[in-house]
Amino acid sequence: MIATAPPGGAYRTDLAAAAVASLDEDGLDTTGAGYTPVEVHLNPGGE
């Protein structure tokens, strides 16, 4: 069990935010706004 709170630099989101910003700049959908479900047919026995 962790007895004390971690120091301020132990948790950071700047790397993930920079990655998402870079993907946004490249015109990629990072929010799922363009998601459309795909219909999947399951066959008995996996065939």
PDB file of N, CA and C in Angstrom:
ATOM      1  N   MET A   1       0.838  -1.161   0.000  1.00  0.00           N
ATOM      2  CA  MET A   1       0.000   0.000   0.000  1.00  0.00           C
ATOM      3  C   MET A   1       0.890   1.232   0.000  1.00  0.00           C
ATOM      4  N   ILE A   2       0.480   2.231  -0.745  1.00  0.00           N
ATOM      5  CA  ILE A   2       1.223   3.493  -0.780  1.00  0.00           C
ATOM      6  C   ILE A   2       0.742   4.344   0.388  1.00  0.00           C
ATOM      7  N   ALA A   3       1.672   4.711   1.259  1.00  0.00           N
ATOM      8  CA  ALA A   3       1.316   5.429   2.479  1.00  0.00           C
ATOM      9  C   ALA A   3       1.233   6.935   2.285  1.00  0.00           C
ATOM     10  N   THR A   4       1.935   7.476   1.306  1.00  0.00           N
ATOM     11  CA  THR A   4       1.908   8.924   1.097  1.00  0.00           C
ATOM     12  C   THR A   4       1.594   9.227  -0.359  1.00  0.00           C
ATOM     13  N   ALA A   5       1.151  10.432  -0.592  1.00  0.00           N
ATOM     14  CA  ALA A   5       0.829  10.856  -1.956  1.00  0.00           C
ATOM     15  C   ALA A   5       2.119  10.957  -2.774  1.00  0.00           C
ATOM     16  N   PRO A   6       2.060  10.619  -4.059  1.00  0.00           N
ATOM     17  CA  PRO A   6       3.259  10.719  -4.890  1.00  0.00           C
ATOM     18  C   PRO A   6       3.627  12.180  -5.123  1.00  0.00           C
ATOM     19  N   PRO A   7       4.878  12.436  -5.444  1.00  0.00           N
ATOM     20  CA  PRO A   7       5.284  13.814  -5.723  1.00  0.00           C
ATOM     21  C   PRO A   7       4.599  14.338  -6.990  1.00  0.00           C
ATOM     22  N   GLY A   8       4.598  15.642  -7.164  1.00  0.00           N
ATOM     23  CA  GLY A   8       3.896  16.276  -8.276  1.00  0.00           C
ATOM     24  C   GLY A   8       4.297  15.774  -9.645  1.00  0.00           C
ATOM     25  N   GLY A   9       5.557  15.405  -9.837  1.00  0.00           N
ATOM     26  CA  GLY A   9       6.007  14.963 -11.146  1.00  0.00           C
ATOM     27  C   GLY A   9       5.768  13.497 -11.434  1.00  0.00           C
ATOM     28  N   ALA A  10       5.172  12.774 -10.496  1.00  0.00           N
ATOM     29  CA  ALA A  10       4.962  11.337 -10.680  1.00  0.00           C
ATOM     30  C   ALA A  10       3.856  11.052 -11.690  1.00  0.00           C
ATOM     31  N   TYR A  11       2.957  11.980 -11.871  1.00  0.00           N
ATOM     32  CA  TYR A  11       1.833  11.793 -12.783  1.00  0.00           C
ATOM     33  C   TYR A  11       1.870  12.929 -13.794  1.00  0.00           C
ATOM     34  N   ARG A  12       1.968  12.586 -15.055  1.00  0.00           N
ATOM     35  CA  ARG A  12       2.020  13.629 -16.071  1.00  0.00           C
ATOM     36  C   ARG A  12       1.223  13.226 -17.298  1.00  0.00           C
ATOM     37  N   THR A  13       0.607  14.196 -17.890  1.00  0.00           N
ATOM     38  CA  THR A  13      -0.204  13.957 -19.084  1.00  0.00           C
ATOM     39  C   THR A  13       0.306  14.732 -20.282  1.00  0.00           C
ATOM     40  N   ASP A  14       1.392  15.470 -20.103  1.00  0.00           N
ATOM     41  CA  ASP A  14       1.879  16.311 -21.193  1.00  0.00           C
ATOM     42  C   ASP A  14       2.321  15.505 -22.412  1.00  0.00           C
ATOM     43  N   LEU A  15       2.863  14.321 -22.206  1.00  0.00           N
ATOM     44  CA  LEU A  15       3.302  13.501 -23.342  1.00  0.00           C
ATOM     45  C   LEU A  15       2.111  13.020 -24.159  1.00  0.00           C
ATOM     46  N   ALA A  16       1.069  12.569 -23.482  1.00  0.00           N
ATOM     47  CA  ALA A  16      -0.132  12.113 -24.185  1.00  0.00           C
ATOM     48  C   ALA A  16      -0.816  13.285 -24.885  1.00  0.00           C
ATOM     49  N   ALA A  17      -0.876  14.434 -24.223  1.00  0.00           N
ATOM     50  CA  ALA A  17      -1.500  15.616 -24.825  1.00  0.00           C
ATOM     51  C   ALA A  17      -0.732  16.055 -26.072  1.00  0.00           C
ATOM     52  N   ALA A  18       0.585  16.000 -26.024  1.00  0.00           N
ATOM     53  CA  ALA A  18       1.401  16.369 -27.182  1.00  0.00           C
ATOM     54  C   ALA A  18       1.179  15.378 -28.326  1.00  0.00           C
ATOM     55  N   ALA A  19       1.046  14.098 -28.008  1.00  0.00           N
ATOM     56  CA  ALA A  19       0.809  13.087 -29.041  1.00  0.00           C
ATOM     57  C   ALA A  19      -0.548  13.308 -29.705  1.00  0.00           C
ATOM     58  N   VAL A  20      -1.572  13.577 -28.917  1.00  0.00           N
ATOM     59  CA  VAL A  20      -2.907  13.818 -29.471  1.00  0.00           C
ATOM     60  C   VAL A  20      -2.905  15.087 -30.315  1.00  0.00           C
ATOM     61  N   ALA A  21      -2.230  16.124 -29.845  1.00  0.00           N
ATOM     62  CA  ALA A  21      -2.147  17.371 -30.611  1.00  0.00           C
ATOM     63  C   ALA A  21      -1.471  17.129 -31.953  1.00  0.00           C
ATOM     64  N   SER A  22      -0.426  16.321 -31.966  1.00  0.00           N
ATOM     65  CA  SER A  22       0.271  16.007 -33.206  1.00  0.00           C
ATOM     66  C   SER A  22      -0.630  15.243 -34.165  1.00  0.00           C
ATOM     67  N   LEU A  23      -1.391  14.302 -33.654  1.00  0.00           N
ATOM     68  CA  LEU A  23      -2.317  13.541 -34.496  1.00  0.00           C
ATOM     69  C   LEU A  23      -3.417  14.448 -35.037  1.00  0.00           C
ATOM     70  N   ASP A  24      -3.910  15.371 -34.196  1.00  0.00           N
ATOM     71  CA  ASP A  24      -4.927  16.329 -34.645  1.00  0.00           C
ATOM     72  C   ASP A  24      -4.380  17.194 -35.777  1.00  0.00           C
ATOM     73  N   GLU A  25      -3.138  17.651 -35.631  1.00  0.00           N
ATOM     74  CA  GLU A  25      -2.508  18.476 -36.666  1.00  0.00           C
ATOM     75  C   GLU A  25      -2.392  17.719 -37.987  1.00  0.00           C
ATOM     76  N   ASP A  26      -2.247  16.406 -37.910  1.00  0.00           N
ATOM     77  CA  ASP A  26      -2.157  15.578 -39.111  1.00  0.00           C
ATOM     78  C   ASP A  26      -3.533  15.246 -39.688  1.00  0.00           C
ATOM     79  N   GLY A  27      -4.594  15.754 -39.040  1.00  0.00           N
ATOM     80  CA  GLY A  27      -5.944  15.544 -39.542  1.00  0.00           C
ATOM     81  C   GLY A  27      -6.567  14.214 -39.157  1.00  0.00           C
ATOM     82  N   LEU A  28      -6.000  13.536 -38.176  1.00  0.00           N
ATOM     83  CA  LEU A  28      -6.543  12.246 -37.749  1.00  0.00           C
ATOM     84  C   LEU A  28      -7.634  12.436 -36.705  1.00  0.00           C
ATOM     85  N   ASP A  29      -8.588  11.541 -36.690  1.00  0.00           N
ATOM     86  CA  ASP A  29      -9.703  11.577 -35.744  1.00  0.00           C
ATOM     87  C   ASP A  29      -9.248  11.000 -34.411  1.00  0.00           C
ATOM     88  N   THR A  30      -9.093  11.854 -33.410  1.00  0.00           N
ATOM     89  CA  THR A  30      -8.642  11.400 -32.094  1.00  0.00           C
ATOM     90  C   THR A  30      -9.778  11.337 -31.080  1.00  0.00           C
ATOM     91  N   THR A  31     -11.015  11.635 -31.527  1.00  0.00           N
ATOM     92  CA  THR A  31     -12.142  11.633 -30.600  1.00  0.00           C
ATOM     93  C   THR A  31     -13.176  10.568 -30.929  1.00  0.00           C
ATOM     94  N   GLY A  32     -13.002   9.897 -32.056  1.00  0.00           N
ATOM     95  CA  GLY A  32     -13.976   8.886 -32.458  1.00  0.00           C
ATOM     96  C   GLY A  32     -15.184   9.477 -33.164  1.00  0.00           C
ATOM     97  N   ALA A  33     -15.120  10.753 -33.540  1.00  0.00           N
ATOM     98  CA  ALA A  33     -16.250  11.413 -34.193  1.00  0.00           C
ATOM     99  C   ALA A  33     -16.619  10.737 -35.513  1.00  0.00           C
ATOM    100  N   GLY A  34     -15.650  10.156 -36.185  1.00  0.00           N
ATOM    101  CA  GLY A  34     -15.914   9.510 -37.467  1.00  0.00           C
ATOM    102  C   GLY A  34     -16.196   8.023 -37.363  1.00  0.00           C
ATOM    103  N   TYR A  35     -16.407   7.540 -36.153  1.00  0.00           N
ATOM    104  CA  TYR A  35     -16.619   6.104 -35.946  1.00  0.00           C
ATOM    105  C   TYR A  35     -17.951   5.663 -36.530  1.00  0.00           C
ATOM    106  N   THR A  36     -17.921   4.592 -37.271  1.00  0.00           N
ATOM    107  CA  THR A  36     -19.147   3.941 -37.722  1.00  0.00           C
ATOM    108  C   THR A  36     -19.006   2.457 -37.414  1.00  0.00           C
ATOM    109  N   PRO A  37     -20.006   1.875 -36.780  1.00  0.00           N
ATOM    110  CA  PRO A  37     -19.908   0.464 -36.421  1.00  0.00           C
ATOM    111  C   PRO A  37     -19.889  -0.428 -37.656  1.00  0.00           C
ATOM    112  N   VAL A  38     -19.232  -1.555 -37.531  1.00  0.00           N
ATOM    113  CA  VAL A  38     -19.145  -2.533 -38.597  1.00  0.00           C
ATOM    114  C   VAL A  38     -19.943  -3.762 -38.171  1.00  0.00           C
ATOM    115  N   GLU A  39     -20.742  -4.267 -39.070  1.00  0.00           N
ATOM    116  CA  GLU A  39     -21.523  -5.460 -38.758  1.00  0.00           C
ATOM    117  C   GLU A  39     -20.629  -6.689 -38.921  1.00  0.00           C
ATOM    118  N   VAL A  40     -20.620  -7.513 -37.903  1.00  0.00           N
ATOM    119  CA  VAL A  40     -19.792  -8.722 -37.904  1.00  0.00           C
ATOM    120  C   VAL A  40     -20.721  -9.932 -37.833  1.00  0.00           C
ATOM    121  N   HIS A  41     -20.514 -10.873 -38.725  1.00  0.00           N
ATOM    122  CA  HIS A  41     -21.303 -12.102 -38.718  1.00  0.00           C
ATOM    123  C   HIS A  41     -20.480 -13.213 -38.079  1.00  0.00           C
ATOM    124  N   LEU A  42     -21.033 -13.856 -37.079  1.00  0.00           N
ATOM    125  CA  LEU A  42     -20.369 -14.966 -36.416  1.00  0.00           C
ATOM    126  C   LEU A  42     -20.945 -16.277 -36.934  1.00  0.00           C
ATOM    127  N   ASN A  43     -20.061 -17.176 -37.294  1.00  0.00           N
ATOM    128  CA  ASN A  43     -20.481 -18.476 -37.790  1.00  0.00           C
ATOM    129  C   ASN A  43     -20.251 -19.540 -36.736  1.00  0.00           C
ATOM    130  N   PRO A  44     -21.144 -20.494 -36.638  1.00  0.00           N
ATOM    131  CA  PRO A  44     -20.937 -21.583 -35.657  1.00  0.00           C
ATOM    132  C   PRO A  44     -19.607 -22.281 -35.909  1.00  0.00           C
ATOM    133  N   GLY A  45     -18.878 -22.559 -34.869  1.00  0.00           N
ATOM    134  CA  GLY A  45     -17.601 -23.238 -34.993  1.00  0.00           C
ATOM    135  C   GLY A  45     -16.469 -22.323 -35.435  1.00  0.00           C
ATOM    136  N   GLY A  46     -16.750 -21.038 -35.616  1.00  0.00           N
ATOM    137  CA  GLY A  46     -15.718 -20.082 -35.995  1.00  0.00           C
ATOM    138  C   GLY A  46     -15.295 -20.152 -37.439  1.00  0.00           C
ATOM    139  N   GLU A  47     -16.097 -20.752 -38.267  1.00  0.00           N
ATOM    140  CA  GLU A  47     -15.727 -20.872 -39.689  1.00  0.00           C
ATOM    141  C   GLU A  47     -16.471 -19.855 -40.515  1.00  0.00           C
TER     142      GLU A  47
END
